[in-house]
Amino acid sequence: MKREAPPTGAPTRTFEPRCMADHDRLALIASDRPDDDIWLDVRAVEMYLHKPRRAIYRMVESGRLPCQRIGRTIVIRKSDASRFL
């Protein structure tokens, strides 16, 4: 079966939930806890800001988006990510 290429100019990136973990991330983003108490992983920030994952990593690497590392996982405060909305 031959796959059709997406039309030119059509968005190829989706920020919709892909699995149950993404639904949990969205619930955390929408929670009524103070933004300083909410830590998001890169996928959650990607869905929150509607920016590609690579752009999030670039912001972290350049220092524009403060983060913490827990093992190999990068976590970012929701209040810091909110500055880019």
C-alpha atoms as a PDB file:
ATOM      1  CA  MET A   1       0.000   0.000   0.000  1.00  0.00           C
ATOM      2  CA  LYS A   2       1.410   3.375  -0.989  1.00  0.00           C
ATOM      3  CA  ARG A   3       1.231   6.210   1.518  1.00  0.00           C
ATOM      4  CA  GLU A   4       0.231   9.627   0.329  1.00  0.00           C
ATOM      5  CA  ALA A   5       2.414  12.551   1.275  1.00  0.00           C
ATOM      6  CA  PRO A   6       0.708  15.286   3.281  1.00  0.00           C
ATOM      7  CA  PRO A   7      -0.329  18.282   1.215  1.00  0.00           C
ATOM      8  CA  THR A   8       2.205  21.080   1.023  1.00  0.00           C
ATOM      9  CA  GLY A   9       1.745  23.581   3.810  1.00  0.00           C
ATOM     10  CA  ALA A  10      -0.256  21.150   5.928  1.00  0.00           C
ATOM     11  CA  PRO A  11       0.972  20.847   9.499  1.00  0.00           C
ATOM     12  CA  THR A  12       2.798  17.579  10.046  1.00  0.00           C
ATOM     13  CA  ARG A  13       3.155  18.078  13.794  1.00  0.00           C
ATOM     14  CA  THR A  14       0.323  17.435  16.200  1.00  0.00           C
ATOM     15  CA  PHE A  15       0.185  18.478  19.808  1.00  0.00           C
ATOM     16  CA  GLU A  16      -2.808  16.288  20.595  1.00  0.00           C
ATOM     17  CA  PRO A  17      -2.542  13.570  23.232  1.00  0.00           C
ATOM     18  CA  ARG A  18      -1.146  10.323  21.815  1.00  0.00           C
ATOM     19  CA  CYS A  19      -1.448   8.077  24.865  1.00  0.00           C
ATOM     20  CA  MET A  20      -2.839   7.950  28.389  1.00  0.00           C
ATOM     21  CA  ALA A  21       0.345   9.519  29.766  1.00  0.00           C
ATOM     22  CA  ASP A  22      -0.341  12.575  27.567  1.00  0.00           C
ATOM     23  CA  HIS A  23      -3.836  12.849  29.065  1.00  0.00           C
ATOM     24  CA  ASP A  24      -2.245  12.795  32.528  1.00  0.00           C
ATOM     25  CA  ARG A  25       0.157  15.541  31.441  1.00  0.00           C
ATOM     26  CA  LEU A  26      -2.750  17.687  30.201  1.00  0.00           C
ATOM     27  CA  ALA A  27      -4.608  17.145  33.470  1.00  0.00           C
ATOM     28  CA  LEU A  28      -1.524  18.329  35.365  1.00  0.00           C
ATOM     29  CA  ILE A  29      -1.242  21.406  33.128  1.00  0.00           C
ATOM     30  CA  ALA A  30      -4.915  22.259  33.726  1.00  0.00           C
ATOM     31  CA  SER A  31      -4.803  21.641  37.491  1.00  0.00           C
ATOM     32  CA  ASP A  32      -5.548  24.453  39.907  1.00  0.00           C
ATOM     33  CA  ARG A  33      -2.265  24.060  41.791  1.00  0.00           C
ATOM     34  CA  PRO A  34       0.071  27.089  41.784  1.00  0.00           C
ATOM     35  CA  ASP A  35       2.290  27.189  38.700  1.00  0.00           C
ATOM     36  CA  ASP A  36       5.451  27.150  40.822  1.00  0.00           C
ATOM     37  CA  ASP A  37       4.432  23.752  42.243  1.00  0.00           C
ATOM     38  CA  ILE A  38       3.961  22.109  38.836  1.00  0.00           C
ATOM     39  CA  TRP A  39       6.956  20.499  37.123  1.00  0.00           C
ATOM     40  CA  LEU A  40       6.514  19.400  33.508  1.00  0.00           C
ATOM     41  CA  ASP A  41       8.608  17.094  31.349  1.00  0.00           C
ATOM     42  CA  VAL A  42       9.612  18.096  27.822  1.00  0.00           C
ATOM     43  CA  ARG A  43       6.595  16.374  26.198  1.00  0.00           C
ATOM     44  CA  ALA A  44       4.202  18.251  28.500  1.00  0.00           C
ATOM     45  CA  VAL A  45       5.905  21.577  27.698  1.00  0.00           C
ATOM     46  CA  GLU A  46       5.677  20.699  24.009  1.00  0.00           C
ATOM     47  CA  MET A  47       1.899  20.254  24.296  1.00  0.00           C
ATOM     48  CA  TYR A  48       1.528  23.304  26.563  1.00  0.00           C
ATOM     49  CA  LEU A  49       3.420  25.717  24.299  1.00  0.00           C
ATOM     50  CA  HIS A  50       2.496  24.100  20.963  1.00  0.00           C
ATOM     51  CA  LYS A  51       6.143  24.143  19.952  1.00  0.00           C
ATOM     52  CA  PRO A  52       8.229  21.302  18.506  1.00  0.00           C
ATOM     53  CA  ARG A  53      10.270  19.227  20.939  1.00  0.00           C
ATOM     54  CA  ARG A  54      13.522  20.315  19.321  1.00  0.00           C
ATOM     55  CA  ALA A  55      12.608  23.970  19.980  1.00  0.00           C
ATOM     56  CA  ILE A  56      12.088  23.168  23.673  1.00  0.00           C
ATOM     57  CA  TYR A  57      15.512  21.492  23.847  1.00  0.00           C
ATOM     58  CA  ARG A  58      17.099  24.506  22.104  1.00  0.00           C
ATOM     59  CA  MET A  59      15.547  26.888  24.653  1.00  0.00           C
ATOM     60  CA  VAL A  60      16.865  24.693  27.477  1.00  0.00           C
ATOM     61  CA  GLU A  61      20.352  24.425  25.966  1.00  0.00           C
ATOM     62  CA  SER A  62      20.591  28.178  25.401  1.00  0.00           C
ATOM     63  CA  GLY A  63      19.497  28.907  28.983  1.00  0.00           C
ATOM     64  CA  ARG A  64      16.354  30.797  28.022  1.00  0.00           C
ATOM     65  CA  LEU A  65      14.171  28.116  29.639  1.00  0.00           C
ATOM     66  CA  PRO A  66      15.386  27.185  33.141  1.00  0.00           C
ATOM     67  CA  CYS A  67      15.186  23.488  33.957  1.00  0.00           C
ATOM     68  CA  GLN A  68      16.270  20.791  36.373  1.00  0.00           C
ATOM     69  CA  ARG A  69      17.482  17.289  35.597  1.00  0.00           C
ATOM     70  CA  ILE A  70      16.225  14.251  37.432  1.00  0.00           C
ATOM     71  CA  GLY A  71      18.424  11.479  36.131  1.00  0.00           C
ATOM     72  CA  ARG A  72      18.059  11.687  32.355  1.00  0.00           C
ATOM     73  CA  THR A  73      14.735  13.507  32.533  1.00  0.00           C
ATOM     74  CA  ILE A  74      14.515  17.261  32.031  1.00  0.00           C
ATOM     75  CA  VAL A  75      11.782  18.930  34.085  1.00  0.00           C
ATOM     76  CA  ILE A  76      10.631  22.531  33.757  1.00  0.00           C
ATOM     77  CA  ARG A  77       8.427  24.609  36.050  1.00  0.00           C
ATOM     78  CA  LYS A  78       5.096  25.532  34.510  1.00  0.00           C
ATOM     79  CA  SER A  79       5.639  29.151  35.582  1.00  0.00           C
ATOM     80  CA  ASP A  80       8.890  29.283  33.583  1.00  0.00           C
ATOM     81  CA  ALA A  81       7.237  27.730  30.514  1.00  0.00           C
ATOM     82  CA  SER A  82       4.317  30.190  30.787  1.00  0.00           C
ATOM     83  CA  ARG A  83       6.648  33.063  29.904  1.00  0.00           C
ATOM     84  CA  PHE A  84       6.764  31.751  26.327  1.00  0.00           C
ATOM     85  CA  LEU A  85       2.991  31.774  25.748  1.00  0.00           C
END
